[in-house]
Amino acid sequence: MIRTDEVSRTHYSNEVRDVLEREFVQKNYVDHIDKHRIAHETGLTTRQIKNWFIHRRVKTRK
């Protein structure tokens, strides 16, 4: 399979990463309300936040 459209990686600023890490310490799973609150606070989309939490949980398992 040849991928023609490469998706660029999102690089998070230190401030955004701090907010996400602080939320992750409080709870490993983000609910709908918190997802929207974090999105408003950081300027990210709810999908980016959801994916960040998914990848962060995988990282802790390794």
Protein backbone atom coordinates (compact mmCIF):
# COMPACT_ATOMS: atom_id res chain seq x y z
CA MET A 1 0.00 0.00 0.00
CA ILE A 2 1.39 3.37 -0.98
CA ARG A 3 0.44 6.39 1.08
CA THR A 4 0.16 9.50 -1.01
CA ASP A 5 -1.16 11.86 1.66
CA GLU A 6 1.15 12.10 4.64
CA VAL A 7 -0.41 13.42 7.81
CA SER A 8 1.81 15.89 9.59
CA ARG A 9 2.54 15.35 13.26
CA THR A 10 1.20 17.76 15.81
CA HIS A 11 3.93 19.32 17.92
CA TYR A 12 2.62 20.45 21.27
CA SER A 13 4.05 23.46 23.06
CA ASN A 14 5.41 23.04 26.57
CA GLU A 15 2.39 24.86 28.00
CA VAL A 16 -0.09 22.60 26.22
CA ARG A 17 1.90 19.50 27.19
CA ASP A 18 1.87 20.63 30.83
CA VAL A 19 -1.92 21.00 30.76
CA LEU A 20 -2.38 17.59 29.17
CA GLU A 21 0.03 15.89 31.57
CA ARG A 22 -1.64 17.53 34.58
CA GLU A 23 -5.03 16.25 33.41
CA PHE A 24 -3.59 12.79 32.76
CA VAL A 25 -2.24 12.58 36.32
CA GLN A 26 -5.73 13.32 37.65
CA LYS A 27 -7.43 10.74 35.44
CA ASN A 28 -6.19 8.50 32.65
CA TYR A 29 -9.44 8.71 30.71
CA VAL A 30 -10.91 12.02 29.62
CA ASP A 31 -14.69 12.41 29.52
CA HIS A 32 -16.75 14.51 27.12
CA ILE A 33 -16.98 17.56 29.36
CA ASP A 34 -13.28 17.59 30.25
CA LYS A 35 -12.33 17.05 26.61
CA HIS A 36 -14.20 20.21 25.60
CA ARG A 37 -12.81 22.17 28.53
CA ILE A 38 -9.23 21.18 27.70
CA ALA A 39 -9.83 21.96 24.01
CA HIS A 40 -11.03 25.44 24.91
CA GLU A 41 -8.10 25.95 27.28
CA THR A 42 -5.39 24.74 24.89
CA GLY A 43 -6.77 25.60 21.47
CA LEU A 44 -6.57 21.96 20.33
CA THR A 45 -9.42 19.99 18.80
CA THR A 46 -11.27 17.39 20.84
CA ARG A 47 -9.95 14.73 18.45
CA GLN A 48 -6.35 15.79 19.16
CA ILE A 49 -7.00 15.57 22.89
CA LYS A 50 -8.64 12.16 22.58
CA ASN A 51 -5.69 10.85 20.55
CA TRP A 52 -3.15 12.34 22.95
CA PHE A 53 -4.78 10.52 25.87
CA ILE A 54 -4.86 7.26 23.90
CA HIS A 55 -1.18 7.51 23.01
CA ARG A 56 -0.25 8.58 26.54
CA ARG A 57 -1.95 5.50 28.02
CA VAL A 58 -0.05 3.29 25.58
CA LYS A 59 3.19 5.00 26.58
CA THR A 60 2.57 4.24 30.28
CA ARG A 61 1.99 0.56 29.53
CA LYS A 62 5.37 0.15 27.87
